[in-house]
Amino acid sequence: MILDFERPIIDLEKKISELRGLSTETVDFSNEIRRLESKARRLQKEVFADLSAQQKVQLARHPGRPYLMDYVGLLMDDFVELHGDRGFRDDPAIIGGMAQFDEWEVLVLGHQKGRNTKDNMLRNFGMARPEGYRKATRLMRLASRFRRPILCFIDTPGAYPGLGAEERGQAEAIAKALQVMASLDCPMISVVIGEGGSGGALALGVTDRILMLEYSIYSVISPEGCASILWRDPSKIGEAAAQLKLTAPDLMSLGICDEIIPEAAGGAHRNAALTAAKLRASIKKHLRELTEMSTTELLDKRYQKFRTMGAFVESTG
């Protein structure tokens, strides 16, 4: 899939690839290739320096973007997946398991989308049901018992709103996840790697540090849902995206995001390994800071972090 604003860059890269294929010992296109490479780099920098909120939404949802299990493969060793909520069934939309991350034994949790129709049907497009959040809560309590750090990877359009999910207590399952995360006495970090939508994302987001990849989004509602509710007009999606303040810089300025992690040039889908390397460095830095804190300090700072969100000052001037 090629996004509209990516197309001029992709077209240039195709020309470069074609010229490389045509080059021989007698026909040398190296000068033309260097010129086009320079032009492509310059164009990419110009395009990505001025992306709109809606264009960042498109990047966050890009089907080629790395998902949770891609990062597990790039960042973790000895990953062992754990299944089930011990109440109803296992939910493949949320994956959790123990792994080795550098010097730490950690619990990895996150939403998982599918790469094709079959996988998306299995993963429910990354939209978890109540049993998914109950599984996450069970695993977080297990990790806390041994004071293992918890790494949460957020990438979901939102919690599944289906009839069965509502009948099994979707709202209660999310609320319980929020309550449990607020009180766990182990270090916790959330990373928004793609789409952070509504309560389905927040259920894995009450952590000591909230990190966001450069082109990820985090919002109470999708731009499409916002435009439908406020204006009843799908042409207002771009305006809704801008007004929602859902991009990483917006959330950094609002004090919700603690760090923006740069992605590879052109987005994480262009170079997953480079993006993962930058993510590794950031997680290591924050984990070191958090593991040095006492339990009392950790819980107090977490409380203060969320207590101050949304605070504002009224001025009569």
Protein backbone atom coordinates (compact mmCIF):
# COMPACT_ATOMS: atom_id res chain seq x y z
CA MET A 1 0.00 0.00 0.00
CA ILE A 2 1.32 3.43 -0.98
CA LEU A 3 -0.11 6.56 0.63
CA ASP A 4 -0.79 9.55 -1.64
CA PHE A 5 1.88 11.76 -0.08
CA GLU A 6 4.43 8.91 -0.32
CA ARG A 7 3.87 8.32 -4.03
CA PRO A 8 6.35 10.92 -5.44
CA ILE A 9 9.09 9.48 -3.21
CA ILE A 10 8.27 5.87 -4.15
CA ASP A 11 8.24 6.81 -7.86
CA LEU A 12 11.73 8.29 -7.56
CA GLU A 13 12.98 5.18 -5.75
CA LYS A 14 11.55 3.00 -8.54
CA LYS A 15 13.45 5.05 -11.14
CA ILE A 16 16.65 4.62 -9.11
CA SER A 17 16.09 0.87 -8.94
CA GLU A 18 15.45 0.69 -12.70
CA LEU A 19 18.64 2.62 -13.47
CA ARG A 20 20.66 0.30 -11.24
CA GLY A 21 19.24 -2.65 -13.18
CA LEU A 22 20.19 -1.04 -16.50
CA SER A 23 23.76 -0.19 -15.46
CA THR A 24 26.46 -2.28 -17.10
CA GLU A 25 30.25 -2.06 -17.55
CA THR A 26 29.75 -0.02 -20.72
CA VAL A 27 26.73 2.05 -19.60
CA ASP A 28 27.22 3.89 -16.33
CA PHE A 29 24.26 5.65 -14.69
CA SER A 30 26.01 6.28 -11.36
CA ASN A 31 25.88 10.09 -11.68
CA GLU A 32 22.18 10.05 -12.51
CA ILE A 33 21.53 7.59 -9.67
CA ARG A 34 23.34 9.84 -7.16
CA ARG A 35 21.37 12.85 -8.37
CA LEU A 36 18.05 11.04 -8.00
CA GLU A 37 19.01 9.67 -4.57
CA SER A 38 19.79 13.16 -3.39
CA LYS A 39 16.49 14.40 -4.82
CA ALA A 40 14.58 11.56 -3.13
CA ARG A 41 16.16 12.30 0.27
CA ARG A 42 15.40 15.99 -0.09
CA LEU A 43 11.81 15.33 -1.16
CA GLN A 44 11.25 12.88 1.70
CA LYS A 45 12.54 15.41 4.22
CA GLU A 46 10.27 18.13 2.81
CA VAL A 47 7.15 15.92 2.72
CA PHE A 48 7.58 14.44 6.20
CA ALA A 49 8.46 17.79 7.77
CA ASP A 50 4.97 19.11 7.07
CA LEU A 51 2.54 16.22 7.56
CA SER A 52 -1.00 17.00 8.62
CA ALA A 53 -2.65 15.22 11.55
CA GLN A 54 -4.72 13.11 9.15
CA GLN A 55 -1.61 12.08 7.21
CA LYS A 56 -0.04 10.92 10.48
CA VAL A 57 -3.22 8.93 11.16
CA GLN A 58 -2.70 7.22 7.79
CA LEU A 59 0.92 6.42 8.69
CA ALA A 60 -0.12 5.04 12.10
CA ARG A 61 -2.53 2.68 10.32
CA HIS A 62 -0.18 1.70 7.49
CA PRO A 63 -0.57 -2.07 6.89
CA GLY A 64 3.19 -2.46 6.48
CA ARG A 65 3.91 -0.91 9.86
CA PRO A 66 5.65 -3.21 12.39
CA TYR A 67 3.26 -4.84 14.86
CA LEU A 68 3.82 -6.16 18.38
CA MET A 69 5.29 -9.52 17.34
CA ASP A 70 7.65 -7.80 14.90
CA TYR A 71 9.09 -5.79 17.81
CA VAL A 72 9.20 -8.89 20.01
CA GLY A 73 11.36 -10.55 17.37
CA LEU A 74 13.62 -7.51 17.07
CA LEU A 75 13.90 -6.58 20.76
CA MET A 76 13.30 -9.66 22.91
CA ASP A 77 14.92 -13.03 23.56
CA ASP A 78 13.35 -16.23 24.89
CA PHE A 79 9.77 -15.02 24.50
CA VAL A 80 7.22 -17.45 25.97
CA GLU A 81 3.57 -16.62 25.26
CA LEU A 82 1.01 -17.13 28.04
CA HIS A 83 -2.64 -17.72 27.22
CA GLY A 84 -6.12 -17.32 28.66
CA ASP A 85 -8.00 -15.30 31.23
CA ARG A 86 -8.89 -18.35 33.38
CA GLY A 87 -12.53 -17.38 33.05
CA PHE A 88 -13.73 -17.64 29.46
CA ARG A 89 -11.08 -18.17 26.77
CA ASP A 90 -7.91 -16.82 25.19
CA ASP A 91 -8.15 -13.63 23.13
CA PRO A 92 -5.61 -13.51 20.25
CA ALA A 93 -6.10 -9.73 19.89
CA ILE A 94 -3.90 -9.27 22.98
CA ILE A 95 -0.62 -11.17 23.26
CA GLY A 96 1.26 -11.50 26.53
CA GLY A 97 4.29 -13.43 27.65
CA MET A 98 7.59 -13.44 29.50
CA ALA A 99 10.78 -12.49 27.72
CA GLN A 100 14.34 -11.32 28.18
CA PHE A 101 14.95 -7.67 27.28
CA ASP A 102 18.65 -6.86 27.63
CA GLU A 103 19.43 -7.41 31.34
CA TRP A 104 15.79 -7.52 32.45
CA GLU A 105 13.29 -10.35 32.58
CA VAL A 106 10.05 -8.64 31.57
CA LEU A 107 6.39 -9.20 30.83
CA VAL A 108 5.49 -8.14 27.29
CA LEU A 109 1.86 -7.22 26.60
CA GLY A 110 0.23 -5.67 23.59
CA HIS A 111 -2.38 -5.57 20.86
CA GLN A 112 -1.69 -7.61 17.75
CA LYS A 113 -3.21 -6.91 14.33
CA GLY A 114 -3.14 -9.26 11.35
CA ARG A 115 -1.25 -8.99 8.07
CA ASN A 116 -3.94 -10.62 5.94
CA THR A 117 -7.66 -11.40 6.07
CA LYS A 118 -7.19 -14.72 7.87
CA ASP A 119 -4.93 -13.20 10.53
CA ASN A 120 -7.21 -10.20 10.98
CA MET A 121 -10.17 -12.48 11.56
CA LEU A 122 -8.14 -14.34 14.19
CA ARG A 123 -6.85 -11.14 15.83
CA ASN A 124 -10.12 -9.24 15.34
CA PHE A 125 -8.14 -6.36 13.76
CA GLY A 126 -6.41 -5.77 17.10
CA MET A 127 -9.71 -5.05 18.89
CA ALA A 128 -9.73 -6.97 22.15
CA ARG A 129 -12.74 -8.47 23.89
CA PRO A 130 -13.18 -8.57 27.70
CA GLU A 131 -11.24 -11.82 27.99
CA GLY A 132 -8.26 -10.09 26.37
CA TYR A 133 -8.16 -7.40 29.05
CA ARG A 134 -8.78 -9.97 31.79
CA LYS A 135 -5.84 -11.98 30.44
CA ALA A 136 -3.71 -8.83 30.50
CA THR A 137 -4.77 -8.10 34.10
CA ARG A 138 -3.94 -11.66 35.16
CA LEU A 139 -0.49 -11.51 33.59
CA MET A 140 0.28 -8.07 35.04
CA ARG A 141 -0.53 -9.33 38.54
CA LEU A 142 1.75 -12.31 37.91
CA ALA A 143 4.61 -10.05 36.82
CA SER A 144 4.10 -7.75 39.80
CA ARG A 145 4.37 -10.72 42.18
CA PHE A 146 7.98 -11.15 41.04
CA ARG A 147 8.48 -7.39 40.44
CA ARG A 148 9.22 -7.97 36.78
CA PRO A 149 9.01 -4.81 34.63
CA ILE A 150 6.02 -4.67 32.28
CA LEU A 151 6.32 -3.43 28.69
CA CYS A 152 3.02 -2.64 26.97
CA PHE A 153 2.76 -2.09 23.21
CA ILE A 154 -0.40 -0.20 22.21
CA ASP A 155 -1.80 -0.60 18.70
CA THR A 156 -5.60 -0.83 18.44
CA PRO A 157 -8.51 1.07 16.90
CA GLY A 158 -10.31 0.46 20.23
CA ALA A 159 -11.92 -2.25 22.30
CA TYR A 160 -14.34 -4.48 20.39
CA PRO A 161 -17.90 -3.06 20.71
CA GLY A 162 -19.79 -6.24 19.74
CA LEU A 163 -22.83 -7.62 21.54
CA GLY A 164 -20.96 -10.60 22.99
CA ALA A 165 -18.20 -8.37 24.35
CA GLU A 166 -20.73 -6.08 26.01
CA GLU A 167 -22.60 -9.05 27.50
CA ARG A 168 -19.34 -10.36 29.02
CA GLY A 169 -18.54 -6.99 30.64
CA GLN A 170 -16.27 -5.03 28.32
CA ALA A 171 -16.45 -1.81 30.37
CA GLU A 172 -15.82 -3.63 33.66
CA ALA A 173 -12.83 -5.51 32.21
CA ILE A 174 -11.23 -2.25 31.01
CA ALA A 175 -12.00 -0.48 34.30
CA LYS A 176 -10.42 -3.34 36.25
CA ALA A 177 -7.30 -3.16 34.07
CA LEU A 178 -7.00 0.56 34.83
CA GLN A 179 -7.43 -0.07 38.57
CA VAL A 180 -4.87 -2.87 38.65
CA MET A 181 -2.27 -0.98 36.61
CA ALA A 182 -2.56 2.03 38.90
CA SER A 183 -1.61 -0.07 41.92
CA LEU A 184 1.04 -2.52 40.68
CA ASP A 185 4.38 -2.16 42.44
CA CYS A 186 6.61 -2.96 39.46
CA PRO A 187 8.02 -0.62 36.78
CA MET A 188 5.74 -0.24 33.74
CA ILE A 189 6.26 1.38 30.34
CA SER A 190 3.73 1.79 27.53
CA VAL A 191 4.74 2.40 23.92
CA VAL A 192 2.20 3.55 21.34
CA ILE A 193 3.55 1.86 18.22
CA GLY A 194 0.67 2.63 15.87
CA GLU A 195 -2.93 3.44 16.61
CA GLY A 196 -3.91 4.15 20.22
CA GLY A 197 -7.69 4.27 20.16
CA SER A 198 -10.11 4.95 23.03
CA GLY A 199 -10.42 2.84 26.19
CA GLY A 200 -9.04 -0.18 24.38
CA ALA A 201 -5.67 1.58 24.28
CA LEU A 202 -5.93 3.18 27.71
CA ALA A 203 -6.42 -0.28 29.27
CA LEU A 204 -2.70 -0.86 28.63
CA GLY A 205 -1.67 2.75 29.17
CA VAL A 206 -1.75 3.47 32.92
CA THR A 207 2.01 3.13 33.29
CA ASP A 208 4.98 5.01 34.72
CA ARG A 209 6.15 6.17 31.29
CA ILE A 210 4.19 6.62 28.06
CA LEU A 211 6.34 6.65 24.93
CA MET A 212 5.13 7.26 21.38
CA LEU A 213 6.69 6.48 18.05
CA GLU A 214 7.01 9.57 15.88
CA TYR A 215 4.04 8.83 13.61
CA SER A 216 1.79 7.04 16.10
CA ILE A 217 -1.50 8.47 17.40
CA TYR A 218 -3.30 8.32 20.76
CA SER A 219 -6.87 9.54 21.08
CA VAL A 220 -10.18 9.13 22.87
CA ILE A 221 -11.93 8.58 19.51
CA SER A 222 -11.02 8.09 15.86
CA PRO A 223 -11.21 11.08 13.47
CA GLU A 224 -13.96 9.24 11.57
CA GLY A 225 -16.01 8.77 14.74
CA CYS A 226 -15.48 12.36 15.81
CA ALA A 227 -16.52 13.75 12.41
CA SER A 228 -19.60 11.53 12.42
CA ILE A 229 -20.71 12.62 15.90
CA LEU A 230 -19.89 16.33 15.77
CA TRP A 231 -20.54 17.23 12.13
CA ARG A 232 -22.28 14.18 10.65
CA ASP A 233 -20.02 14.84 7.69
CA PRO A 234 -17.22 12.47 6.52
CA SER A 235 -15.50 15.37 4.71
CA LYS A 236 -14.61 16.77 8.15
CA ILE A 237 -12.29 13.88 9.05
CA GLY A 238 -9.15 15.95 8.46
CA GLU A 239 -10.45 18.77 10.64
CA ALA A 240 -11.44 16.27 13.34
CA ALA A 241 -7.92 14.78 13.33
CA ALA A 242 -6.41 18.23 13.82
CA GLN A 243 -8.83 19.19 16.61
CA LEU A 244 -8.38 15.92 18.51
CA LYS A 245 -4.68 16.68 19.18
CA LEU A 246 -3.83 13.01 18.67
CA THR A 247 -0.29 13.19 17.29
CA ALA A 248 2.85 12.56 19.35
CA PRO A 249 3.93 16.25 19.46
CA ASP A 250 0.39 17.24 20.55
CA LEU A 251 0.42 14.72 23.40
CA MET A 252 3.94 15.70 24.39
CA SER A 253 2.84 19.33 24.74
CA LEU A 254 -0.18 18.24 26.82
CA GLY A 255 2.04 16.32 29.25
CA ILE A 256 0.62 12.89 28.40
CA CYS A 257 3.53 11.51 26.38
CA ASP A 258 6.94 11.32 28.08
CA GLU A 259 9.10 10.85 24.97
CA ILE A 260 8.74 10.80 21.20
CA ILE A 261 10.87 8.10 19.58
CA PRO A 262 12.06 8.99 16.06
CA GLU A 263 11.16 6.50 13.35
CA ALA A 264 13.18 5.52 10.31
CA ALA A 265 13.05 8.03 7.46
CA GLY A 266 9.65 7.69 5.81
CA GLY A 267 8.10 5.86 8.76
CA ALA A 268 8.63 2.62 10.68
CA HIS A 269 7.34 0.52 7.77
CA ARG A 270 10.33 1.62 5.69
CA ASN A 271 12.91 0.25 8.14
CA ALA A 272 11.59 -1.72 11.12
CA ALA A 273 15.06 -2.70 12.39
CA LEU A 274 16.26 0.91 12.63
CA THR A 275 13.06 1.98 14.38
CA ALA A 276 13.38 -0.94 16.80
CA ALA A 277 16.98 0.04 17.61
CA LYS A 278 15.84 3.53 18.58
CA LEU A 279 12.99 2.06 20.60
CA ARG A 280 15.40 -0.26 22.42
CA ALA A 281 17.60 2.64 23.49
CA SER A 282 14.63 4.60 24.81
CA ILE A 283 13.11 1.69 26.76
CA LYS A 284 16.48 0.86 28.32
CA LYS A 285 16.93 4.45 29.49
CA HIS A 286 13.50 4.60 31.12
CA LEU A 287 13.74 1.12 32.63
CA ARG A 288 17.03 1.99 34.33
CA GLU A 289 15.46 5.10 35.87
CA LEU A 290 12.36 3.23 37.04
CA THR A 291 14.13 0.18 38.48
CA GLU A 292 16.25 2.44 40.68
CA MET A 293 13.13 3.84 42.40
CA SER A 294 11.67 2.43 45.59
CA THR A 295 8.15 1.01 45.47
CA THR A 296 6.77 4.01 47.36
CA GLU A 297 8.42 6.50 44.99
CA LEU A 298 7.28 4.53 41.94
CA LEU A 299 3.63 4.48 43.01
CA ASP A 300 3.67 8.11 44.14
CA LYS A 301 5.11 9.36 40.85
CA ARG A 302 2.61 7.26 38.87
CA TYR A 303 -0.26 8.72 40.89
CA GLN A 304 0.98 12.27 40.40
CA LYS A 305 1.48 11.69 36.66
CA PHE A 306 -2.14 10.77 36.04
CA ARG A 307 -3.55 13.10 38.69
CA THR A 308 -2.19 16.14 36.86
CA MET A 309 -3.44 15.10 33.41
CA GLY A 310 -6.18 17.42 32.22
CA ALA A 311 -5.43 20.07 34.85
CA PHE A 312 -5.90 23.63 33.68
CA VAL A 313 -5.91 27.16 35.06
CA GLU A 314 -8.72 29.64 34.46
CA SER A 315 -7.73 33.24 33.89
CA THR A 316 -9.99 36.28 34.17
CA GLY A 317 -7.51 38.46 32.28
